Amino acid sequence: MKNGIYFDEKKSRKRRMIFKLKIYGSLTVFFLLVVGICYLIIYSPFFQLKNIEIVGNRDFEKSELIQELKLFFISQSKLASILGPNNI
C-alpha cells in the first residue's frame, strides 16, 4: 500500500511540475510576442514619417517650423516621446 501512495504522490508532483512548465512557457511566449510586436511598431518604416512638406509659408523658415512641429508632437503624449519624432 505504501508503494501505491508513494507512486501516486510522485506522479502528482510530476503532473504539477509539467503544468507549471506549461504555464511558465506560455507566459514567456506571450511576453516575447508582445515585446516583438512593440519592437516592430517602434522601428517599422511603415509608421515613420518620410517627409513633411510645408506650402504657403512666408513668416518662418521651413526647418524651424518642422522642428517646432516635431517638438509639439513629442510633447503631446508619453507614447509619442517613446516612439520618437519620426513615428506617427
PDB file of N, CA and C in Angstrom:
ATOM      1  N   MET A   1       0.810  -1.190   0.000  1.00  0.00           N
ATOM      2  CA  MET A   1       0.000   0.000   0.000  1.00  0.00           C
ATOM      3  C   MET A   1       0.855   1.257   0.000  1.00  0.00           C
ATOM      4  N   LYS A   2       1.969   1.214   0.729  1.00  0.00           N
ATOM      5  CA  LYS A   2       2.841   2.385   0.755  1.00  0.00           C
ATOM      6  C   LYS A   2       3.410   2.677  -0.634  1.00  0.00           C
ATOM      7  N   ASN A   3       3.713   1.653  -1.361  1.00  0.00           N
ATOM      8  CA  ASN A   3       4.258   1.857  -2.699  1.00  0.00           C
ATOM      9  C   ASN A   3       3.246   2.546  -3.608  1.00  0.00           C
ATOM     10  N   GLY A   4       1.980   2.203  -3.494  1.00  0.00           N
ATOM     11  CA  GLY A   4       0.940   2.826  -4.300  1.00  0.00           C
ATOM     12  C   GLY A   4       0.755   4.291  -3.955  1.00  0.00           C
ATOM     13  N   ILE A   5       0.785   4.626  -2.679  1.00  0.00           N
ATOM     14  CA  ILE A   5       0.645   6.024  -2.250  1.00  0.00           C
ATOM     15  C   ILE A   5       1.857   6.825  -2.696  1.00  0.00           C
ATOM     16  N   TYR A   6       3.041   6.243  -2.516  1.00  0.00           N
ATOM     17  CA  TYR A   6       4.260   6.931  -2.927  1.00  0.00           C
ATOM     18  C   TYR A   6       4.249   7.172  -4.433  1.00  0.00           C
ATOM     19  N   PHE A   7       3.810   6.178  -5.180  1.00  0.00           N
ATOM     20  CA  PHE A   7       3.768   6.318  -6.634  1.00  0.00           C
ATOM     21  C   PHE A   7       2.787   7.411  -7.047  1.00  0.00           C
ATOM     22  N   ASP A   8       1.618   7.443  -6.423  1.00  0.00           N
ATOM     23  CA  ASP A   8       0.636   8.479  -6.742  1.00  0.00           C
ATOM     24  C   ASP A   8       1.165   9.865  -6.392  1.00  0.00           C
ATOM     25  N   GLU A   9       1.874   9.976  -5.266  1.00  0.00           N
ATOM     26  CA  GLU A   9       2.442  11.271  -4.868  1.00  0.00           C
ATOM     27  C   GLU A   9       3.520  11.708  -5.860  1.00  0.00           C
ATOM     28  N   LYS A  10       4.345  10.765  -6.277  1.00  0.00           N
ATOM     29  CA  LYS A  10       5.398  11.066  -7.245  1.00  0.00           C
ATOM     30  C   LYS A  10       4.781  11.476  -8.585  1.00  0.00           C
ATOM     31  N   LYS A  11       3.749  10.760  -8.985  1.00  0.00           N
ATOM     32  CA  LYS A  11       3.067  11.073 -10.236  1.00  0.00           C
ATOM     33  C   LYS A  11       2.381  12.439 -10.150  1.00  0.00           C
ATOM     34  N   SER A  12       1.806  12.722  -8.994  1.00  0.00           N
ATOM     35  CA  SER A  12       1.140  14.013  -8.788  1.00  0.00           C
ATOM     36  C   SER A  12       2.139  15.166  -8.860  1.00  0.00           C
ATOM     37  N   ARG A  13       3.302  14.988  -8.251  1.00  0.00           N
ATOM     38  CA  ARG A  13       4.351  16.020  -8.317  1.00  0.00           C
ATOM     39  C   ARG A  13       4.796  16.250  -9.760  1.00  0.00           C
ATOM     40  N   LYS A  14       4.948  15.159 -10.482  1.00  0.00           N
ATOM     41  CA  LYS A  14       5.374  15.270 -11.880  1.00  0.00           C
ATOM     42  C   LYS A  14       4.328  16.017 -12.706  1.00  0.00           C
ATOM     43  N   ARG A  15       3.049  15.723 -12.470  1.00  0.00           N
ATOM     44  CA  ARG A  15       1.977  16.424 -13.187  1.00  0.00           C
ATOM     45  C   ARG A  15       1.978  17.915 -12.859  1.00  0.00           C
ATOM     46  N   ARG A  16       2.160  18.236 -11.564  1.00  0.00           N
ATOM     47  CA  ARG A  16       2.213  19.651 -11.172  1.00  0.00           C
ATOM     48  C   ARG A  16       3.396  20.356 -11.820  1.00  0.00           C
ATOM     49  N   MET A  17       4.540  19.685 -11.865  1.00  0.00           N
ATOM     50  CA  MET A  17       5.720  20.281 -12.474  1.00  0.00           C
ATOM     51  C   MET A  17       5.487  20.524 -13.971  1.00  0.00           C
ATOM     52  N   ILE A  18       4.897  19.567 -14.649  1.00  0.00           N
ATOM     53  CA  ILE A  18       4.605  19.725 -16.077  1.00  0.00           C
ATOM     54  C   ILE A  18       3.602  20.852 -16.294  1.00  0.00           C
ATOM     55  N   PHE A  19       2.588  20.939 -15.431  1.00  0.00           N
ATOM     56  CA  PHE A  19       1.599  22.015 -15.531  1.00  0.00           C
ATOM     57  C   PHE A  19       2.259  23.382 -15.334  1.00  0.00           C
ATOM     58  N   LYS A  20       3.136  23.489 -14.326  1.00  0.00           N
ATOM     59  CA  LYS A  20       3.840  24.755 -14.082  1.00  0.00           C
ATOM     60  C   LYS A  20       4.724  25.122 -15.273  1.00  0.00           C
ATOM     61  N   LEU A  21       5.402  24.131 -15.842  1.00  0.00           N
ATOM     62  CA  LEU A  21       6.249  24.402 -17.005  1.00  0.00           C
ATOM     63  C   LEU A  21       5.425  24.898 -18.186  1.00  0.00           C
ATOM     64  N   LYS A  22       4.246  24.321 -18.382  1.00  0.00           N
ATOM     65  CA  LYS A  22       3.377  24.772 -19.470  1.00  0.00           C
ATOM     66  C   LYS A  22       2.919  26.207 -19.238  1.00  0.00           C
ATOM     67  N   ILE A  23       2.547  26.533 -18.006  1.00  0.00           N
ATOM     68  CA  ILE A  23       2.103  27.895 -17.683  1.00  0.00           C
ATOM     69  C   ILE A  23       3.246  28.881 -17.888  1.00  0.00           C
ATOM     70  N   TYR A  24       4.417  28.584 -17.309  1.00  0.00           N
ATOM     71  CA  TYR A  24       5.560  29.489 -17.451  1.00  0.00           C
ATOM     72  C   TYR A  24       5.997  29.616 -18.907  1.00  0.00           C
ATOM     73  N   GLY A  25       5.962  28.521 -19.644  1.00  0.00           N
ATOM     74  CA  GLY A  25       6.312  28.563 -21.063  1.00  0.00           C
ATOM     75  C   GLY A  25       5.337  29.414 -21.858  1.00  0.00           C
ATOM     76  N   SER A  26       4.048  29.258 -21.573  1.00  0.00           N
ATOM     77  CA  SER A  26       3.033  30.056 -22.270  1.00  0.00           C
ATOM     78  C   SER A  26       3.191  31.541 -21.962  1.00  0.00           C
ATOM     79  N   LEU A  27       3.441  31.868 -20.695  1.00  0.00           N
ATOM     80  CA  LEU A  27       3.645  33.272 -20.318  1.00  0.00           C
ATOM     81  C   LEU A  27       4.891  33.852 -20.981  1.00  0.00           C
ATOM     82  N   THR A  28       5.946  33.051 -21.067  1.00  0.00           N
ATOM     83  CA  THR A  28       7.174  33.513 -21.714  1.00  0.00           C
ATOM     84  C   THR A  28       6.944  33.774 -23.197  1.00  0.00           C
ATOM     85  N   VAL A  29       6.270  32.872 -23.873  1.00  0.00           N
ATOM     86  CA  VAL A  29       5.978  33.052 -25.302  1.00  0.00           C
ATOM     87  C   VAL A  29       5.100  34.279 -25.509  1.00  0.00           C
ATOM     88  N   PHE A  30       4.080  34.465 -24.674  1.00  0.00           N
ATOM     89  CA  PHE A  30       3.205  35.631 -24.775  1.00  0.00           C
ATOM     90  C   PHE A  30       3.995  36.920 -24.571  1.00  0.00           C
ATOM     91  N   PHE A  31       4.857  36.952 -23.562  1.00  0.00           N
ATOM     92  CA  PHE A  31       5.677  38.133 -23.293  1.00  0.00           C
ATOM     93  C   PHE A  31       6.593  38.438 -24.474  1.00  0.00           C
ATOM     94  N   LEU A  32       7.219  37.416 -25.035  1.00  0.00           N
ATOM     95  CA  LEU A  32       8.103  37.627 -26.184  1.00  0.00           C
ATOM     96  C   LEU A  32       7.331  38.135 -27.400  1.00  0.00           C
ATOM     97  N   LEU A  33       6.117  37.651 -27.604  1.00  0.00           N
ATOM     98  CA  LEU A  33       5.288  38.146 -28.709  1.00  0.00           C
ATOM     99  C   LEU A  33       4.937  39.619 -28.517  1.00  0.00           C
ATOM    100  N   VAL A  34       4.579  40.007 -27.305  1.00  0.00           N
ATOM    101  CA  VAL A  34       4.243  41.407 -27.030  1.00  0.00           C
ATOM    102  C   VAL A  34       5.459  42.293 -27.253  1.00  0.00           C
ATOM    103  N   VAL A  35       6.616  41.867 -26.767  1.00  0.00           N
ATOM    104  CA  VAL A  35       7.844  42.646 -26.963  1.00  0.00           C
ATOM    105  C   VAL A  35       8.180  42.738 -28.450  1.00  0.00           C
ATOM    106  N   GLY A  36       8.030  41.652 -29.192  1.00  0.00           N
ATOM    107  CA  GLY A  36       8.305  41.663 -30.631  1.00  0.00           C
ATOM    108  C   GLY A  36       7.377  42.585 -31.395  1.00  0.00           C
ATOM    109  N   ILE A  37       6.100  42.577 -31.052  1.00  0.00           N
ATOM    110  CA  ILE A  37       5.137  43.461 -31.715  1.00  0.00           C
ATOM    111  C   ILE A  37       5.455  44.917 -31.407  1.00  0.00           C
ATOM    112  N   CYS A  38       5.792  45.209 -30.147  1.00  0.00           N
ATOM    113  CA  CYS A  38       6.162  46.585 -29.785  1.00  0.00           C
ATOM    114  C   CYS A  38       7.411  47.023 -30.547  1.00  0.00           C
ATOM    115  N   TYR A  39       8.385  46.134 -30.662  1.00  0.00           N
ATOM    116  CA  TYR A  39       9.604  46.455 -31.397  1.00  0.00           C
ATOM    117  C   TYR A  39       9.288  46.761 -32.860  1.00  0.00           C
ATOM    118  N   LEU A  40       8.434  45.950 -33.477  1.00  0.00           N
ATOM    119  CA  LEU A  40       8.069  46.182 -34.876  1.00  0.00           C
ATOM    120  C   LEU A  40       7.342  47.508 -35.060  1.00  0.00           C
ATOM    121  N   ILE A  41       6.469  47.847 -34.128  1.00  0.00           N
ATOM    122  CA  ILE A  41       5.737  49.110 -34.238  1.00  0.00           C
ATOM    123  C   ILE A  41       6.686  50.291 -34.103  1.00  0.00           C
ATOM    124  N   ILE A  42       7.613  50.215 -33.167  1.00  0.00           N
ATOM    125  CA  ILE A  42       8.513  51.344 -32.921  1.00  0.00           C
ATOM    126  C   ILE A  42       9.502  51.529 -34.067  1.00  0.00           C
ATOM    127  N   TYR A  43      10.074  50.446 -34.576  1.00  0.00           N
ATOM    128  CA  TYR A  43      11.144  50.568 -35.564  1.00  0.00           C
ATOM    129  C   TYR A  43      10.720  50.261 -36.997  1.00  0.00           C
ATOM    130  N   SER A  44       9.450  50.012 -37.221  1.00  0.00           N
ATOM    131  CA  SER A  44       8.979  49.712 -38.563  1.00  0.00           C
ATOM    132  C   SER A  44       8.987  50.969 -39.431  1.00  0.00           C
ATOM    133  N   PRO A  45       9.511  50.898 -40.652  1.00  0.00           N
ATOM    134  CA  PRO A  45       9.496  52.064 -41.532  1.00  0.00           C
ATOM    135  C   PRO A  45       8.086  52.450 -41.972  1.00  0.00           C
ATOM    136  N   PHE A  46       7.126  51.547 -41.835  1.00  0.00           N
ATOM    137  CA  PHE A  46       5.749  51.844 -42.214  1.00  0.00           C
ATOM    138  C   PHE A  46       5.170  52.980 -41.378  1.00  0.00           C
ATOM    139  N   PHE A  47       5.535  53.057 -40.107  1.00  0.00           N
ATOM    140  CA  PHE A  47       4.989  54.061 -39.212  1.00  0.00           C
ATOM    141  C   PHE A  47       5.843  55.328 -39.126  1.00  0.00           C
ATOM    142  N   GLN A  48       6.951  55.390 -39.845  1.00  0.00           N
ATOM    143  CA  GLN A  48       7.826  56.556 -39.779  1.00  0.00           C
ATOM    144  C   GLN A  48       7.466  57.561 -40.864  1.00  0.00           C
ATOM    145  N   LEU A  49       7.554  58.832 -40.497  1.00  0.00           N
ATOM    146  CA  LEU A  49       7.295  59.902 -41.459  1.00  0.00           C
ATOM    147  C   LEU A  49       8.470  59.996 -42.424  1.00  0.00           C
ATOM    148  N   LYS A  50       8.174  60.085 -43.698  1.00  0.00           N
ATOM    149  CA  LYS A  50       9.238  60.164 -44.707  1.00  0.00           C
ATOM    150  C   LYS A  50       9.635  61.617 -44.969  1.00  0.00           C
ATOM    151  N   ASN A  51       8.637  62.475 -45.169  1.00  0.00           N
ATOM    152  CA  ASN A  51       8.945  63.890 -45.364  1.00  0.00           C
ATOM    153  C   ASN A  51       7.747  64.733 -44.945  1.00  0.00           C
ATOM    154  N   ILE A  52       8.037  65.982 -44.637  1.00  0.00           N
ATOM    155  CA  ILE A  52       7.000  66.950 -44.287  1.00  0.00           C
ATOM    156  C   ILE A  52       7.108  68.086 -45.293  1.00  0.00           C
ATOM    157  N   GLU A  53       6.013  68.400 -45.950  1.00  0.00           N
ATOM    158  CA  GLU A  53       6.023  69.468 -46.945  1.00  0.00           C
ATOM    159  C   GLU A  53       5.156  70.619 -46.440  1.00  0.00           C
ATOM    160  N   ILE A  54       5.738  71.798 -46.423  1.00  0.00           N
ATOM    161  CA  ILE A  54       5.033  72.994 -45.962  1.00  0.00           C
ATOM    162  C   ILE A  54       4.881  73.935 -47.148  1.00  0.00           C
ATOM    163  N   VAL A  55       3.636  74.325 -47.437  1.00  0.00           N
ATOM    164  CA  VAL A  55       3.339  75.177 -48.582  1.00  0.00           C
ATOM    165  C   VAL A  55       2.722  76.478 -48.077  1.00  0.00           C
ATOM    166  N   GLY A  56       3.112  77.592 -48.674  1.00  0.00           N
ATOM    167  CA  GLY A  56       2.500  78.880 -48.353  1.00  0.00           C
ATOM    168  C   GLY A  56       3.063  79.538 -47.111  1.00  0.00           C
ATOM    169  N   ASN A  57       4.243  79.159 -46.699  1.00  0.00           N
ATOM    170  CA  ASN A  57       4.847  79.728 -45.504  1.00  0.00           C
ATOM    171  C   ASN A  57       5.660  80.968 -45.877  1.00  0.00           C
ATOM    172  N   ARG A  58       5.371  82.088 -45.239  1.00  0.00           N
ATOM    173  CA  ARG A  58       6.127  83.309 -45.523  1.00  0.00           C
ATOM    174  C   ARG A  58       6.805  83.864 -44.278  1.00  0.00           C
ATOM    175  N   ASP A  59       6.326  83.481 -43.098  1.00  0.00           N
ATOM    176  CA  ASP A  59       6.821  84.090 -41.869  1.00  0.00           C
ATOM    177  C   ASP A  59       7.953  83.314 -41.204  1.00  0.00           C
ATOM    178  N   PHE A  60       8.033  82.014 -41.435  1.00  0.00           N
ATOM    179  CA  PHE A  60       9.022  81.189 -40.749  1.00  0.00           C
ATOM    180  C   PHE A  60       9.849  80.409 -41.760  1.00  0.00           C
ATOM    181  N   GLU A  61      11.050  80.016 -41.318  1.00  0.00           N
ATOM    182  CA  GLU A  61      11.859  79.141 -42.160  1.00  0.00           C
ATOM    183  C   GLU A  61      11.308  77.717 -42.066  1.00  0.00           C
ATOM    184  N   LYS A  62      11.470  76.984 -43.141  1.00  0.00           N
ATOM    185  CA  LYS A  62      10.917  75.630 -43.216  1.00  0.00           C
ATOM    186  C   LYS A  62      11.510  74.720 -42.133  1.00  0.00           C
ATOM    187  N   SER A  63      12.825  74.750 -41.959  1.00  0.00           N
ATOM    188  CA  SER A  63      13.467  73.873 -40.973  1.00  0.00           C
ATOM    189  C   SER A  63      13.034  74.224 -39.548  1.00  0.00           C
ATOM    190  N   GLU A  64      12.855  75.508 -39.272  1.00  0.00           N
ATOM    191  CA  GLU A  64      12.419  75.937 -37.939  1.00  0.00           C
ATOM    192  C   GLU A  64      10.999  75.445 -37.655  1.00  0.00           C
ATOM    193  N   LEU A  65      10.134  75.539 -38.635  1.00  0.00           N
ATOM    194  CA  LEU A  65       8.751  75.101 -38.477  1.00  0.00           C
ATOM    195  C   LEU A  65       8.661  73.579 -38.297  1.00  0.00           C
ATOM    196  N   ILE A  66       9.455  72.845 -39.047  1.00  0.00           N
ATOM    197  CA  ILE A  66       9.469  71.384 -38.912  1.00  0.00           C
ATOM    198  C   ILE A  66       9.958  70.987 -37.524  1.00  0.00           C
ATOM    199  N   GLN A  67      10.986  71.645 -37.030  1.00  0.00           N
ATOM    200  CA  GLN A  67      11.499  71.358 -35.689  1.00  0.00           C
ATOM    201  C   GLN A  67      10.438  71.639 -34.624  1.00  0.00           C
ATOM    202  N   GLU A  68       9.723  72.737 -34.758  1.00  0.00           N
ATOM    203  CA  GLU A  68       8.657  73.074 -33.811  1.00  0.00           C
ATOM    204  C   GLU A  68       7.526  72.041 -33.858  1.00  0.00           C
ATOM    205  N   LEU A  69       7.190  71.561 -35.044  1.00  0.00           N
ATOM    206  CA  LEU A  69       6.158  70.526 -35.166  1.00  0.00           C
ATOM    207  C   LEU A  69       6.586  69.226 -34.487  1.00  0.00           C
ATOM    208  N   LYS A  70       7.841  68.839 -34.671  1.00  0.00           N
ATOM    209  CA  LYS A  70       8.342  67.621 -34.033  1.00  0.00           C
ATOM    210  C   LYS A  70       8.290  67.751 -32.511  1.00  0.00           C
ATOM    211  N   LEU A  71       8.721  68.891 -31.990  1.00  0.00           N
ATOM    212  CA  LEU A  71       8.668  69.108 -30.544  1.00  0.00           C
ATOM    213  C   LEU A  71       7.232  69.095 -30.033  1.00  0.00           C
ATOM    214  N   PHE A  72       6.317  69.654 -30.813  1.00  0.00           N
ATOM    215  CA  PHE A  72       4.911  69.667 -30.424  1.00  0.00           C
ATOM    216  C   PHE A  72       4.357  68.248 -30.327  1.00  0.00           C
ATOM    217  N   PHE A  73       4.641  67.411 -31.325  1.00  0.00           N
ATOM    218  CA  PHE A  73       4.128  66.044 -31.317  1.00  0.00           C
ATOM    219  C   PHE A  73       4.739  65.218 -30.190  1.00  0.00           C
ATOM    220  N   ILE A  74       6.016  65.436 -29.890  1.00  0.00           N
ATOM    221  CA  ILE A  74       6.654  64.706 -28.795  1.00  0.00           C
ATOM    222  C   ILE A  74       6.039  65.097 -27.460  1.00  0.00           C
ATOM    223  N   SER A  75       5.721  66.376 -27.287  1.00  0.00           N
ATOM    224  CA  SER A  75       5.184  66.834 -26.005  1.00  0.00           C
ATOM    225  C   SER A  75       3.720  66.458 -25.804  1.00  0.00           C
ATOM    226  N   GLN A  76       3.044  65.947 -26.821  1.00  0.00           N
ATOM    227  CA  GLN A  76       1.624  65.626 -26.706  1.00  0.00           C
ATOM    228  C   GLN A  76       1.352  64.406 -25.830  1.00  0.00           C
ATOM    229  N   SER A  77       2.203  63.401 -25.877  1.00  0.00           N
ATOM    230  CA  SER A  77       1.971  62.211 -25.059  1.00  0.00           C
ATOM    231  C   SER A  77       3.288  61.507 -24.772  1.00  0.00           C
ATOM    232  N   LYS A  78       3.264  60.667 -23.747  1.00  0.00           N
ATOM    233  CA  LYS A  78       4.458  59.900 -23.401  1.00  0.00           C
ATOM    234  C   LYS A  78       4.758  58.855 -24.477  1.00  0.00           C
ATOM    235  N   LEU A  79       3.726  58.307 -25.077  1.00  0.00           N
ATOM    236  CA  LEU A  79       3.932  57.324 -26.137  1.00  0.00           C
ATOM    237  C   LEU A  79       4.658  57.951 -27.322  1.00  0.00           C
ATOM    238  N   ALA A  80       4.279  59.170 -27.686  1.00  0.00           N
ATOM    239  CA  ALA A  80       4.943  59.857 -28.794  1.00  0.00           C
ATOM    240  C   ALA A  80       6.401  60.144 -28.453  1.00  0.00           C
ATOM    241  N   SER A  81       6.692  60.442 -27.192  1.00  0.00           N
ATOM    242  CA  SER A  81       8.083  60.697 -26.827  1.00  0.00           C
ATOM    243  C   SER A  81       8.904  59.411 -26.862  1.00  0.00           C
ATOM    244  N   ILE A  82       8.272  58.266 -26.583  1.00  0.00           N
ATOM    245  CA  ILE A  82       8.976  56.983 -26.662  1.00  0.00           C
ATOM    246  C   ILE A  82       9.212  56.593 -28.117  1.00  0.00           C
ATOM    247  N   LEU A  83       8.199  56.773 -28.961  1.00  0.00           N
ATOM    248  CA  LEU A  83       8.315  56.384 -30.364  1.00  0.00           C
ATOM    249  C   LEU A  83       9.268  57.277 -31.139  1.00  0.00           C
ATOM    250  N   GLY A  84       9.407  58.529 -30.736  1.00  0.00           N
ATOM    251  CA  GLY A  84      10.297  59.447 -31.420  1.00  0.00           C
ATOM    252  C   GLY A  84       9.547  60.379 -32.345  1.00  0.00           C
ATOM    253  N   PRO A  85      10.233  61.406 -32.825  1.00  0.00           N
ATOM    254  CA  PRO A  85       9.566  62.421 -33.639  1.00  0.00           C
ATOM    255  C   PRO A  85       9.200  61.958 -35.043  1.00  0.00           C
ATOM    256  N   ASN A  86       9.808  60.888 -35.526  1.00  0.00           N
ATOM    257  CA  ASN A  86       9.540  60.449 -36.899  1.00  0.00           C
ATOM    258  C   ASN A  86       8.425  59.419 -36.999  1.00  0.00           C
ATOM    259  N   ASN A  87       7.950  58.914 -35.867  1.00  0.00           N
ATOM    260  CA  ASN A  87       6.844  57.951 -35.888  1.00  0.00           C
ATOM    261  C   ASN A  87       5.531  58.681 -35.715  1.00  0.00           C
ATOM    262  N   ILE A  88       4.502  58.168 -36.344  1.00  0.00           N
ATOM    263  CA  ILE A  88       3.184  58.785 -36.238  1.00  0.00           C
ATOM    264  C   ILE A  88       2.604  58.434 -34.876  1.00  0.00           C
TER     265      ILE A  88
END
